[in-house]
Amino acid sequence: LEDSNNAINVEWFEVQEPYEQVLEEKLSNCTYQSVLVGAGRLAPSVADAIGKNGCNQIKFGSFDSVPKMDLLVAEGKIDFVIDQFNHLQGWAAVQYAALYVTTGHVFAPPQGGVYLSGPVFSTKNNFTTGTL
């Protein structure tokens, strides 16, 4: 994402092998304000390219809170991770529907009547003890 004359420009590009070389080239001039990676498997390579090029002003985030991603956040190499809570968005919805279809019953609604299923933005400041 670039900000030029108060306009926001979005650049979409696919990265293929060798990831490290392509990412170092793309990030070599540090012109981006932020980078959002859709595939968590690329996050370590993007973090390395940002660090090698000295682009510390770039806000960097990715999806899926897994141990490798959480460690990158804890080390300050990635600013945030968007945890999609796949088990709540997928599994729980199917279970709730199956219960209703097979029995006619529903789970008791939580306080407030809304099932919170994500997403959650995890940063270095809001990890709970034991998640790293």
Protein backbone atom coordinates (compact mmCIF):
# COMPACT_ATOMS: atom_id res chain seq x y z
CA LEU A 1 0.00 0.00 0.00
CA GLU A 2 1.43 3.37 -0.92
CA ASP A 3 0.26 6.85 0.04
CA SER A 4 0.98 9.42 -2.65
CA ASN A 5 -0.64 12.87 -2.57
CA ASN A 6 -3.29 11.65 -0.11
CA ALA A 7 -4.28 8.82 -2.47
CA ILE A 8 -4.03 5.20 -1.48
CA ASN A 9 -2.56 2.89 -4.05
CA VAL A 10 -2.83 -0.87 -3.69
CA GLU A 11 -0.42 -3.16 -5.44
CA TRP A 12 -1.33 -6.81 -5.81
CA PHE A 13 1.32 -9.28 -6.83
CA GLU A 14 1.81 -13.00 -6.65
CA VAL A 15 5.04 -14.36 -5.30
CA GLN A 16 6.51 -17.56 -6.66
CA GLU A 17 9.72 -19.43 -5.89
CA PRO A 18 12.27 -18.22 -4.96
CA TYR A 19 10.23 -16.18 -2.45
CA GLU A 20 13.16 -14.53 -0.71
CA GLN A 21 14.65 -13.03 -3.88
CA VAL A 22 11.33 -11.70 -5.22
CA LEU A 23 10.33 -10.19 -1.87
CA GLU A 24 13.70 -8.54 -1.29
CA GLU A 25 13.41 -6.92 -4.74
CA LYS A 26 9.82 -5.74 -4.15
CA LEU A 27 10.71 -4.26 -0.76
CA SER A 28 14.16 -2.94 -1.70
CA ASN A 29 13.23 0.76 -1.83
CA CYS A 30 10.96 0.76 1.26
CA THR A 31 8.22 2.80 -0.45
CA TYR A 32 5.35 0.88 1.14
CA GLN A 33 3.54 2.02 4.28
CA SER A 34 2.07 -1.42 4.90
CA VAL A 35 2.15 -4.99 3.69
CA LEU A 36 -0.63 -7.53 4.26
CA VAL A 37 0.19 -11.11 3.37
CA GLY A 38 -2.72 -13.42 2.70
CA ALA A 39 -0.69 -16.61 2.97
CA GLY A 40 0.91 -17.07 6.37
CA ARG A 41 3.58 -19.31 4.85
CA LEU A 42 5.14 -16.21 3.27
CA ALA A 43 5.26 -14.20 6.49
CA PRO A 44 8.74 -15.30 7.63
CA SER A 45 10.18 -14.43 4.19
CA VAL A 46 8.44 -11.04 4.13
CA ALA A 47 9.66 -10.30 7.68
CA ASP A 48 13.22 -11.18 6.62
CA ALA A 49 13.00 -8.98 3.49
CA ILE A 50 11.67 -6.04 5.51
CA GLY A 51 14.49 -6.46 8.04
CA LYS A 52 17.27 -6.92 5.45
CA ASN A 53 16.16 -3.79 3.57
CA GLY A 54 15.81 -1.73 6.76
CA CYS A 55 12.15 -0.98 6.04
CA ASN A 56 11.17 -0.77 9.70
CA GLN A 57 8.50 1.89 9.03
CA ILE A 58 6.38 -0.69 7.15
CA LYS A 59 3.38 -1.97 9.10
CA PHE A 60 3.27 -5.69 8.39
CA GLY A 61 0.42 -8.11 9.04
CA SER A 62 -0.86 -11.51 8.02
CA PHE A 63 -3.62 -14.02 8.63
CA ASP A 64 -3.86 -17.11 10.84
CA SER A 65 -2.60 -17.15 14.37
CA VAL A 66 -0.38 -20.23 14.49
CA PRO A 67 2.72 -20.70 16.67
CA LYS A 68 5.13 -19.57 13.93
CA MET A 69 3.12 -16.38 13.34
CA ASP A 70 2.73 -15.70 17.05
CA LEU A 71 6.49 -15.96 17.47
CA LEU A 72 7.05 -13.41 14.69
CA VAL A 73 4.67 -11.04 16.48
CA ALA A 74 6.41 -11.59 19.82
CA GLU A 75 9.79 -10.88 18.21
CA GLY A 76 8.44 -7.65 16.68
CA LYS A 77 8.97 -8.88 13.11
CA ILE A 78 5.27 -8.67 12.29
CA ASP A 79 2.91 -6.03 13.69
CA PHE A 80 -0.32 -8.01 13.79
CA VAL A 81 -1.98 -11.28 12.91
CA ILE A 82 -5.65 -11.61 12.04
CA ASP A 83 -6.93 -14.80 13.62
CA GLN A 84 -9.97 -15.96 11.69
CA PHE A 85 -11.05 -18.56 14.26
CA ASN A 86 -11.79 -21.10 11.55
CA HIS A 87 -13.16 -23.56 14.09
CA LEU A 88 -15.81 -21.05 15.16
CA GLN A 89 -16.61 -19.75 11.69
CA GLY A 90 -16.77 -23.20 10.12
CA TRP A 91 -17.07 -26.06 12.57
CA ALA A 92 -19.35 -24.40 15.11
CA ALA A 93 -21.75 -23.11 12.45
CA VAL A 94 -22.09 -26.61 10.99
CA GLN A 95 -22.61 -28.13 14.45
CA TYR A 96 -25.29 -25.56 15.33
CA ALA A 97 -27.10 -26.17 12.03
CA ALA A 98 -26.85 -29.96 12.41
CA LEU A 99 -28.28 -29.80 15.93
CA TYR A 100 -31.22 -27.72 14.75
CA VAL A 101 -31.92 -29.89 11.69
CA THR A 102 -31.70 -33.20 13.57
CA THR A 103 -33.40 -32.26 16.84
CA GLY A 104 -35.15 -28.94 16.36
CA HIS A 105 -33.13 -27.58 19.30
CA VAL A 106 -30.66 -24.72 19.39
CA PHE A 107 -27.79 -23.91 21.70
CA ALA A 108 -28.64 -21.39 24.38
CA PRO A 109 -27.55 -18.00 23.09
CA PRO A 110 -24.65 -16.39 24.91
CA GLN A 111 -25.14 -13.31 27.03
CA GLY A 112 -25.93 -10.50 24.62
CA GLY A 113 -27.34 -12.97 22.08
CA VAL A 114 -24.36 -12.87 19.71
CA TYR A 115 -21.89 -15.68 19.05
CA LEU A 116 -18.50 -14.00 18.74
CA SER A 117 -16.60 -15.90 16.09
CA GLY A 118 -13.80 -13.52 15.17
CA PRO A 119 -11.77 -12.22 13.62
CA VAL A 120 -9.36 -11.08 16.30
CA PHE A 121 -6.34 -8.85 15.74
CA SER A 122 -3.41 -10.15 17.77
CA THR A 123 -0.49 -7.84 18.47
CA LYS A 124 2.55 -8.00 20.69
CA ASN A 125 0.55 -6.13 23.35
CA ASN A 126 -2.50 -8.38 23.57
CA PHE A 127 -1.21 -11.95 23.57
CA THR A 128 -2.26 -13.91 26.59
CA THR A 129 0.30 -15.72 28.71
CA GLY A 130 0.96 -19.19 27.42
CA THR A 131 0.13 -18.56 23.78
CA LEU A 132 3.75 -18.05 22.77
